[in-house]
N, C-alpha and C. Protein backbone atom coordinates (compact mmCIF):
# COMPACT_ATOMS: atom_id res chain seq x y z
N UNK A 1 -43.73 -4.59 11.08
CA UNK A 1 -44.52 -3.74 10.40
C UNK A 1 -45.88 -4.39 10.18
N UNK A 2 -46.99 -3.56 10.40
CA UNK A 2 -48.31 -4.18 10.15
C UNK A 2 -48.86 -3.50 8.93
N UNK A 3 -49.80 -4.18 8.28
CA UNK A 3 -50.48 -3.60 7.17
C UNK A 3 -52.08 -3.80 7.50
N UNK A 4 -52.81 -2.84 7.38
CA UNK A 4 -54.19 -3.04 7.69
C UNK A 4 -55.08 -2.04 6.64
N UNK A 5 -56.24 -2.49 6.40
CA UNK A 5 -57.08 -1.69 5.62
C UNK A 5 -58.40 -1.42 6.34
N UNK A 6 -58.73 -0.03 6.36
CA UNK A 6 -59.93 0.36 6.99
C UNK A 6 -60.87 0.89 5.98
N UNK A 7 -62.13 0.25 5.98
CA UNK A 7 -63.17 0.62 4.96
C UNK A 7 -64.10 1.64 5.55
N UNK A 8 -64.26 2.79 4.88
CA UNK A 8 -65.17 3.79 5.32
C UNK A 8 -65.82 4.60 4.14
N UNK A 9 -66.68 5.43 4.45
CA UNK A 9 -67.37 6.17 3.46
C UNK A 9 -66.66 7.45 2.98
N UNK A 10 -65.52 7.71 3.66
CA UNK A 10 -64.69 8.86 3.33
C UNK A 10 -63.86 8.64 2.03
N UNK A 11 -63.27 9.73 1.41
CA UNK A 11 -62.50 9.64 0.27
C UNK A 11 -61.31 8.57 0.56
N UNK A 12 -60.89 7.97 -0.56
CA UNK A 12 -59.81 7.01 -0.41
C UNK A 12 -58.45 7.72 -0.04
N UNK A 13 -57.83 7.18 0.92
CA UNK A 13 -56.55 7.81 1.35
C UNK A 13 -55.60 6.71 1.90
N UNK A 14 -54.30 6.82 1.53
CA UNK A 14 -53.36 5.96 1.97
C UNK A 14 -52.52 6.65 3.07
N UNK A 15 -52.41 6.06 4.30
CA UNK A 15 -51.66 6.71 5.40
C UNK A 15 -50.59 5.75 5.89
N UNK A 16 -49.39 6.15 5.96
CA UNK A 16 -48.31 5.38 6.40
C UNK A 16 -47.90 5.87 7.76
N UNK A 17 -48.16 5.14 8.92
CA UNK A 17 -47.76 5.63 10.17
C UNK A 17 -46.39 4.96 10.58
N UNK A 18 -45.52 5.75 10.89
CA UNK A 18 -44.12 5.27 11.29
C UNK A 18 -43.40 6.12 12.33
N UNK A 19 -42.48 5.53 12.96
CA UNK A 19 -41.72 6.27 13.97
C UNK A 19 -40.72 7.26 13.33
N UNK A 20 -40.17 6.72 12.21
CA UNK A 20 -39.17 7.68 11.50
C UNK A 20 -39.33 7.34 10.06
N UNK A 21 -38.94 8.26 9.14
CA UNK A 21 -38.96 8.07 7.71
C UNK A 21 -37.68 7.55 7.22
N UNK A 22 -37.59 6.16 7.26
CA UNK A 22 -36.37 5.55 6.91
C UNK A 22 -36.42 5.11 5.41
N UNK A 23 -35.36 4.31 4.93
CA UNK A 23 -35.30 3.93 3.58
C UNK A 23 -36.45 3.01 3.16
N UNK A 24 -37.01 2.18 4.06
CA UNK A 24 -38.05 1.33 3.75
C UNK A 24 -39.30 2.11 3.52
N UNK A 25 -39.57 3.09 4.31
CA UNK A 25 -40.73 3.87 4.18
C UNK A 25 -40.73 4.76 2.82
N UNK A 26 -39.55 5.27 2.51
CA UNK A 26 -39.37 6.13 1.37
C UNK A 26 -39.67 5.11 0.13
N UNK A 27 -39.18 3.89 0.14
CA UNK A 27 -39.39 2.91 -0.84
C UNK A 27 -40.88 2.67 -1.06
N UNK A 28 -41.58 2.38 0.04
CA UNK A 28 -43.00 2.17 -0.05
C UNK A 28 -43.81 3.33 -0.51
N UNK A 29 -43.43 4.58 -0.19
CA UNK A 29 -44.00 5.72 -0.72
C UNK A 29 -43.89 5.77 -2.24
N UNK A 30 -42.63 5.50 -2.69
CA UNK A 30 -42.36 5.52 -4.14
C UNK A 30 -43.21 4.44 -4.90
N UNK A 31 -43.25 3.28 -4.32
CA UNK A 31 -44.13 2.26 -4.95
C UNK A 31 -45.64 2.72 -5.04
N UNK A 32 -46.11 3.25 -3.98
CA UNK A 32 -47.54 3.67 -3.93
C UNK A 32 -47.72 4.88 -4.91
N UNK A 33 -46.89 5.83 -4.93
CA UNK A 33 -47.03 6.94 -5.83
C UNK A 33 -46.95 6.60 -7.23
N UNK A 34 -45.97 5.72 -7.57
CA UNK A 34 -45.71 5.18 -8.95
C UNK A 34 -47.00 4.45 -9.47
N UNK A 35 -47.54 3.60 -8.48
CA UNK A 35 -48.70 2.81 -8.88
C UNK A 35 -49.95 3.67 -9.05
N UNK A 36 -50.15 4.64 -8.33
CA UNK A 36 -51.34 5.46 -8.37
C UNK A 36 -51.29 6.49 -9.56
N UNK A 37 -50.13 7.22 -9.55
CA UNK A 37 -50.03 8.33 -10.51
C UNK A 37 -49.75 8.03 -11.95
N UNK A 38 -49.05 6.98 -12.15
CA UNK A 38 -48.58 6.81 -13.53
C UNK A 38 -49.19 5.57 -14.30
N UNK A 39 -50.28 5.04 -13.72
CA UNK A 39 -51.04 4.01 -14.57
C UNK A 39 -50.06 2.97 -15.16
N UNK A 40 -49.44 2.25 -14.36
CA UNK A 40 -48.57 1.10 -14.79
C UNK A 40 -47.37 1.63 -15.67
N UNK A 41 -46.86 2.78 -15.20
CA UNK A 41 -45.59 3.25 -15.84
C UNK A 41 -44.55 3.41 -14.75
N UNK A 42 -43.33 3.56 -15.14
CA UNK A 42 -42.30 3.71 -14.17
C UNK A 42 -41.33 4.81 -14.61
N UNK A 43 -40.83 5.51 -13.60
CA UNK A 43 -39.98 6.68 -13.84
C UNK A 43 -38.54 6.15 -14.07
N UNK A 44 -38.03 6.58 -15.24
CA UNK A 44 -36.59 6.23 -15.63
C UNK A 44 -36.01 7.50 -16.09
N UNK A 45 -34.63 7.49 -16.15
CA UNK A 45 -33.97 8.76 -16.43
C UNK A 45 -32.86 8.48 -17.55
N UNK A 46 -32.53 9.59 -18.17
CA UNK A 46 -31.41 9.55 -19.03
C UNK A 46 -30.81 11.00 -19.02
N UNK A 47 -29.64 11.10 -18.30
CA UNK A 47 -29.11 12.37 -18.06
C UNK A 47 -30.03 13.25 -17.18
N UNK A 48 -30.34 14.41 -17.62
CA UNK A 48 -31.31 15.33 -16.92
C UNK A 48 -32.74 15.06 -17.30
N UNK A 49 -33.11 14.11 -18.24
CA UNK A 49 -34.45 13.86 -18.71
C UNK A 49 -35.04 12.83 -17.88
N UNK A 50 -36.30 12.96 -17.58
CA UNK A 50 -37.13 11.91 -16.81
C UNK A 50 -38.16 11.40 -17.84
N UNK A 51 -38.44 10.13 -17.88
CA UNK A 51 -39.26 9.50 -18.72
C UNK A 51 -40.27 8.66 -17.87
N UNK A 52 -41.57 8.71 -18.27
CA UNK A 52 -42.55 7.78 -17.66
C UNK A 52 -42.87 6.72 -18.70
N UNK A 53 -42.15 5.55 -18.52
CA UNK A 53 -42.25 4.48 -19.58
C UNK A 53 -43.26 3.51 -19.14
N UNK A 54 -44.23 3.14 -19.93
CA UNK A 54 -45.15 2.08 -19.59
C UNK A 54 -44.45 0.80 -19.47
N UNK A 55 -44.75 0.06 -18.36
CA UNK A 55 -44.07 -1.14 -18.02
C UNK A 55 -44.00 -2.21 -19.17
N UNK A 56 -45.10 -2.31 -19.90
CA UNK A 56 -45.05 -3.23 -21.01
C UNK A 56 -44.14 -2.83 -22.13
N UNK A 57 -43.57 -1.60 -22.08
CA UNK A 57 -42.53 -1.21 -23.08
C UNK A 57 -41.14 -1.67 -22.77
N UNK A 58 -40.93 -2.12 -21.47
CA UNK A 58 -39.63 -2.56 -21.07
C UNK A 58 -39.46 -4.01 -21.59
N UNK A 59 -38.26 -4.20 -22.11
CA UNK A 59 -37.92 -5.46 -22.70
C UNK A 59 -37.21 -6.26 -21.51
N UNK A 60 -36.13 -5.63 -20.98
CA UNK A 60 -35.47 -6.24 -19.86
C UNK A 60 -34.71 -5.21 -19.03
N UNK A 61 -34.47 -5.59 -17.84
CA UNK A 61 -33.73 -4.72 -16.86
C UNK A 61 -32.49 -5.53 -16.46
N UNK A 62 -31.38 -4.77 -16.36
CA UNK A 62 -30.10 -5.42 -15.90
C UNK A 62 -29.37 -4.52 -14.94
N UNK A 63 -28.56 -5.20 -14.18
CA UNK A 63 -27.77 -4.44 -13.19
C UNK A 63 -26.26 -4.67 -13.44
N UNK A 64 -25.43 -3.68 -13.41
CA UNK A 64 -24.05 -3.84 -13.50
C UNK A 64 -23.34 -2.65 -12.90
N UNK A 65 -22.24 -2.83 -12.29
CA UNK A 65 -21.32 -1.75 -11.79
C UNK A 65 -22.13 -0.92 -10.80
N UNK A 66 -23.10 -1.47 -9.99
CA UNK A 66 -23.83 -0.73 -9.07
C UNK A 66 -24.98 0.10 -9.69
N UNK A 67 -25.27 -0.10 -10.94
CA UNK A 67 -26.36 0.70 -11.60
C UNK A 67 -27.38 -0.24 -12.17
N UNK A 68 -28.50 0.22 -12.29
CA UNK A 68 -29.60 -0.59 -12.85
C UNK A 68 -30.19 0.16 -14.11
N UNK A 69 -30.30 -0.52 -15.21
CA UNK A 69 -30.75 0.08 -16.42
C UNK A 69 -32.01 -0.80 -16.89
N UNK A 70 -32.81 -0.12 -17.63
CA UNK A 70 -34.01 -0.85 -18.29
C UNK A 70 -33.90 -0.56 -19.78
N UNK A 71 -34.12 -1.58 -20.47
CA UNK A 71 -33.96 -1.50 -21.87
C UNK A 71 -35.40 -1.55 -22.56
N UNK A 72 -35.68 -0.66 -23.41
CA UNK A 72 -36.88 -0.61 -24.38
C UNK A 72 -36.35 -1.07 -25.75
N UNK A 73 -37.21 -1.01 -26.74
CA UNK A 73 -36.76 -1.36 -28.06
C UNK A 73 -35.65 -0.52 -28.53
N UNK A 74 -35.71 0.78 -28.22
CA UNK A 74 -34.78 1.70 -28.86
C UNK A 74 -34.00 2.54 -27.80
N UNK A 75 -34.18 2.28 -26.52
CA UNK A 75 -33.49 3.16 -25.47
C UNK A 75 -32.93 2.31 -24.43
N UNK A 76 -31.88 2.82 -23.67
CA UNK A 76 -31.50 2.26 -22.48
C UNK A 76 -31.55 3.27 -21.46
N UNK A 77 -32.41 3.19 -20.42
CA UNK A 77 -32.69 4.25 -19.43
C UNK A 77 -32.26 3.76 -18.02
N UNK A 78 -31.85 4.71 -17.25
CA UNK A 78 -31.38 4.42 -15.90
C UNK A 78 -32.55 4.39 -14.88
N UNK A 79 -32.42 3.55 -14.00
CA UNK A 79 -33.45 3.33 -12.94
C UNK A 79 -32.89 3.66 -11.67
N UNK A 80 -33.61 4.24 -10.71
CA UNK A 80 -33.25 4.50 -9.38
C UNK A 80 -33.47 3.40 -8.48
N UNK A 81 -34.16 2.36 -9.00
CA UNK A 81 -34.58 1.22 -8.23
C UNK A 81 -33.41 0.16 -8.30
N UNK A 82 -33.23 -0.63 -7.30
CA UNK A 82 -32.44 -1.80 -7.32
C UNK A 82 -33.19 -2.96 -8.05
N UNK A 83 -32.43 -3.97 -8.55
CA UNK A 83 -33.15 -4.91 -9.32
C UNK A 83 -34.18 -5.74 -8.45
N UNK A 84 -33.91 -6.00 -7.24
CA UNK A 84 -34.95 -6.74 -6.45
C UNK A 84 -36.17 -5.87 -6.21
N UNK A 85 -35.99 -4.58 -6.27
CA UNK A 85 -37.20 -3.59 -6.06
C UNK A 85 -38.00 -3.68 -7.38
N UNK A 86 -37.27 -3.64 -8.52
CA UNK A 86 -37.97 -3.74 -9.82
C UNK A 86 -38.72 -5.11 -10.04
N UNK A 87 -38.18 -6.03 -9.47
CA UNK A 87 -38.86 -7.42 -9.43
C UNK A 87 -40.23 -7.31 -8.83
N UNK A 88 -40.38 -6.51 -7.77
CA UNK A 88 -41.55 -6.43 -7.00
C UNK A 88 -42.60 -5.46 -7.76
N UNK A 89 -42.02 -4.39 -8.38
CA UNK A 89 -42.82 -3.42 -9.16
C UNK A 89 -43.38 -4.04 -10.39
N UNK A 90 -42.58 -4.65 -11.14
CA UNK A 90 -42.88 -5.07 -12.55
C UNK A 90 -44.04 -6.12 -12.50
N UNK A 91 -44.79 -6.28 -13.60
CA UNK A 91 -45.89 -7.22 -13.65
C UNK A 91 -45.39 -8.64 -13.61
N UNK A 92 -46.34 -9.65 -13.46
CA UNK A 92 -45.97 -10.95 -13.38
C UNK A 92 -45.34 -11.56 -14.69
N UNK A 93 -45.59 -10.80 -15.78
CA UNK A 93 -45.01 -11.24 -17.02
C UNK A 93 -43.43 -11.17 -17.08
N UNK A 94 -42.88 -10.52 -16.09
CA UNK A 94 -41.43 -10.48 -16.02
C UNK A 94 -40.94 -11.56 -15.12
N UNK A 95 -39.71 -12.09 -15.52
CA UNK A 95 -39.14 -13.11 -14.71
C UNK A 95 -37.61 -12.92 -14.57
N UNK A 96 -37.03 -13.37 -13.54
CA UNK A 96 -35.67 -13.35 -13.26
C UNK A 96 -34.91 -14.33 -14.24
N UNK A 97 -33.89 -13.88 -14.94
CA UNK A 97 -33.17 -14.71 -15.91
C UNK A 97 -31.71 -14.97 -15.37
N UNK A 98 -31.27 -14.13 -14.48
CA UNK A 98 -29.88 -14.27 -13.87
C UNK A 98 -29.85 -13.45 -12.69
N UNK A 99 -28.82 -13.48 -11.91
CA UNK A 99 -28.64 -12.65 -10.81
C UNK A 99 -28.79 -11.18 -11.12
N UNK A 100 -28.44 -10.85 -12.38
CA UNK A 100 -28.30 -9.45 -12.69
C UNK A 100 -29.46 -9.00 -13.86
N UNK A 101 -30.42 -9.88 -14.16
CA UNK A 101 -31.22 -9.64 -15.22
C UNK A 101 -32.69 -10.06 -14.97
N UNK A 102 -33.72 -9.18 -15.32
CA UNK A 102 -35.04 -9.55 -15.32
C UNK A 102 -35.52 -9.20 -16.69
N UNK A 103 -36.42 -10.22 -17.24
CA UNK A 103 -36.80 -10.25 -18.54
C UNK A 103 -38.29 -10.25 -18.70
N UNK A 104 -38.83 -9.40 -19.72
CA UNK A 104 -40.23 -9.38 -19.99
C UNK A 104 -40.50 -10.69 -20.90
N UNK A 105 -41.22 -11.54 -20.31
CA UNK A 105 -41.44 -12.83 -21.18
C UNK A 105 -42.23 -12.56 -22.41
N UNK A 106 -43.15 -11.63 -22.38
CA UNK A 106 -43.89 -11.30 -23.64
C UNK A 106 -43.10 -10.74 -24.75
N UNK A 107 -41.95 -10.34 -24.51
CA UNK A 107 -41.06 -9.66 -25.54
C UNK A 107 -40.07 -10.78 -26.15
N UNK A 108 -39.98 -11.93 -25.47
CA UNK A 108 -39.05 -12.90 -25.97
C UNK A 108 -39.37 -13.59 -27.32
N UNK A 109 -38.48 -13.57 -28.19
CA UNK A 109 -38.62 -14.09 -29.58
C UNK A 109 -38.03 -15.57 -29.65
N UNK A 110 -36.89 -15.78 -29.04
CA UNK A 110 -36.26 -17.09 -29.03
C UNK A 110 -35.29 -17.16 -27.81
N UNK A 111 -35.15 -18.45 -27.50
CA UNK A 111 -34.13 -18.79 -26.46
C UNK A 111 -33.22 -19.88 -27.08
N UNK A 112 -31.97 -19.57 -27.20
CA UNK A 112 -30.93 -20.52 -27.78
C UNK A 112 -30.23 -21.08 -26.59
N UNK A 113 -30.66 -22.38 -26.34
CA UNK A 113 -30.14 -23.12 -25.23
C UNK A 113 -28.69 -23.48 -25.31
N UNK A 114 -27.92 -23.27 -24.23
CA UNK A 114 -26.51 -23.60 -24.22
C UNK A 114 -26.31 -24.49 -22.94
N UNK A 115 -25.92 -25.69 -23.10
CA UNK A 115 -25.73 -26.56 -21.88
C UNK A 115 -24.50 -26.22 -21.09
N UNK A 116 -23.49 -25.63 -21.73
CA UNK A 116 -22.29 -25.36 -21.06
C UNK A 116 -22.25 -23.95 -20.34
N UNK A 117 -23.14 -23.10 -20.68
CA UNK A 117 -23.12 -21.72 -20.17
C UNK A 117 -24.42 -21.08 -20.28
N UNK A 118 -24.55 -19.77 -20.27
CA UNK A 118 -25.81 -19.06 -20.28
C UNK A 118 -26.49 -19.25 -21.57
N UNK A 119 -27.82 -19.38 -21.65
CA UNK A 119 -28.59 -19.43 -22.89
C UNK A 119 -28.83 -17.97 -23.42
N UNK A 120 -28.90 -17.85 -24.67
CA UNK A 120 -29.08 -16.51 -25.34
C UNK A 120 -30.52 -16.22 -25.61
N UNK A 121 -31.02 -15.06 -25.22
CA UNK A 121 -32.40 -14.72 -25.41
C UNK A 121 -32.49 -13.50 -26.50
N UNK A 122 -33.23 -13.75 -27.52
CA UNK A 122 -33.48 -12.73 -28.55
C UNK A 122 -34.87 -12.16 -28.36
N UNK A 123 -35.05 -10.79 -28.75
CA UNK A 123 -36.40 -10.23 -28.48
C UNK A 123 -36.94 -9.83 -29.85
N UNK A 124 -38.29 -9.67 -29.78
CA UNK A 124 -39.08 -9.18 -30.95
C UNK A 124 -38.59 -7.75 -31.35
N UNK A 125 -38.63 -7.47 -32.56
CA UNK A 125 -38.43 -5.99 -33.04
C UNK A 125 -37.17 -5.33 -32.59
N UNK A 126 -36.17 -6.05 -32.21
CA UNK A 126 -34.85 -5.36 -31.83
C UNK A 126 -33.82 -6.46 -31.84
N UNK A 127 -32.62 -5.86 -31.99
CA UNK A 127 -31.39 -6.74 -32.06
C UNK A 127 -30.85 -7.05 -30.70
N UNK A 128 -31.42 -6.43 -29.70
CA UNK A 128 -30.78 -6.61 -28.27
C UNK A 128 -30.94 -8.11 -27.88
N UNK A 129 -29.93 -8.45 -27.06
CA UNK A 129 -29.87 -9.87 -26.56
C UNK A 129 -29.71 -9.76 -25.03
N UNK A 130 -30.10 -10.80 -24.33
CA UNK A 130 -29.85 -10.98 -22.90
C UNK A 130 -29.54 -12.44 -22.70
N UNK A 131 -28.96 -12.64 -21.54
CA UNK A 131 -28.57 -13.99 -21.25
C UNK A 131 -29.33 -14.73 -20.02
N UNK A 132 -29.64 -15.98 -20.17
CA UNK A 132 -30.35 -16.71 -19.20
C UNK A 132 -29.50 -17.66 -18.58
N UNK A 133 -29.24 -17.61 -17.16
CA UNK A 133 -28.26 -18.44 -16.49
C UNK A 133 -28.88 -19.76 -16.38
N UNK A 134 -28.05 -20.78 -16.23
CA UNK A 134 -28.54 -22.19 -16.13
C UNK A 134 -29.32 -22.41 -14.89
N UNK A 135 -28.91 -21.63 -13.78
CA UNK A 135 -29.68 -21.94 -12.52
C UNK A 135 -31.07 -21.34 -12.53
N UNK A 136 -31.36 -20.41 -13.45
CA UNK A 136 -32.74 -19.74 -13.49
C UNK A 136 -33.54 -20.38 -14.71
N UNK A 137 -32.90 -21.24 -15.49
CA UNK A 137 -33.46 -21.72 -16.79
C UNK A 137 -34.86 -22.34 -16.60
N UNK A 138 -35.02 -23.32 -15.63
CA UNK A 138 -36.23 -24.01 -15.44
C UNK A 138 -37.39 -23.00 -15.00
N UNK A 139 -37.07 -22.18 -13.98
CA UNK A 139 -38.10 -21.23 -13.46
C UNK A 139 -38.52 -20.27 -14.51
N UNK A 140 -37.55 -19.83 -15.34
CA UNK A 140 -37.75 -18.83 -16.49
C UNK A 140 -38.71 -19.52 -17.47
N UNK A 141 -38.43 -20.80 -17.91
CA UNK A 141 -39.20 -21.43 -18.97
C UNK A 141 -40.63 -21.73 -18.44
N UNK A 142 -40.79 -22.00 -17.17
CA UNK A 142 -42.15 -22.11 -16.62
C UNK A 142 -42.88 -20.89 -16.74
N UNK A 143 -42.26 -19.80 -16.41
CA UNK A 143 -42.95 -18.46 -16.46
C UNK A 143 -43.30 -18.07 -17.86
N UNK A 144 -42.39 -18.43 -18.81
CA UNK A 144 -42.62 -18.28 -20.23
C UNK A 144 -43.89 -18.99 -20.69
N UNK A 145 -44.01 -20.26 -20.26
CA UNK A 145 -45.21 -21.05 -20.59
C UNK A 145 -46.39 -20.44 -19.99
N UNK A 146 -46.46 -20.02 -18.73
CA UNK A 146 -47.52 -19.36 -18.11
C UNK A 146 -48.00 -18.11 -18.81
N UNK A 147 -47.04 -17.36 -19.23
CA UNK A 147 -47.24 -16.07 -19.88
C UNK A 147 -47.87 -16.27 -21.30
N UNK A 148 -47.38 -17.22 -21.98
CA UNK A 148 -47.74 -17.59 -23.35
C UNK A 148 -49.23 -18.10 -23.40
N UNK A 149 -49.70 -18.76 -22.26
CA UNK A 149 -51.12 -19.26 -22.26
C UNK A 149 -51.96 -18.13 -21.86
C-alpha cells in the first residue's frame, strides 16, 4: 500500500484508490471520517444510543470476552474498534497498561506498585480502577513522566 500527498489549488479531498473495499480500507475510512468530522471525538455506543465522546473524556479502554469498552468518569460505553485500533486513534497521552488495557495518563491519580502482580491505578474524580501489568510498567511510567511534563 502506498501513501502519497498531492498539493494543488483545488479544494482539499482525500481519495483512497483500491482494487477492492476490504476490511483494511473500511478501517482507514473510519479513521479519516472520525478525525475530520468529530474534532477529536470518537463514536461509542450503549444499546441503541450513539455517543460522540471527546477523546480527553476517556479514562481508559479495556477489552474482554471479545468486546472493547471505553470508560469515562460516569459511563461505560462500547466501542466497535479493537484495542490495537484504539491505540492508533487515541492521542499520545494514552499508554498501554496491559494486553487488555489502554489508559489515559492525564487522568491517573495514583499507581499502587505491586511487585508480585499487577499494579493498581486509581483515577481522578472517580472510584474506577485499572491494572498495570509488570511487563508494561516501565514503558507506562515513562509515558506518564512525558505526559506530566
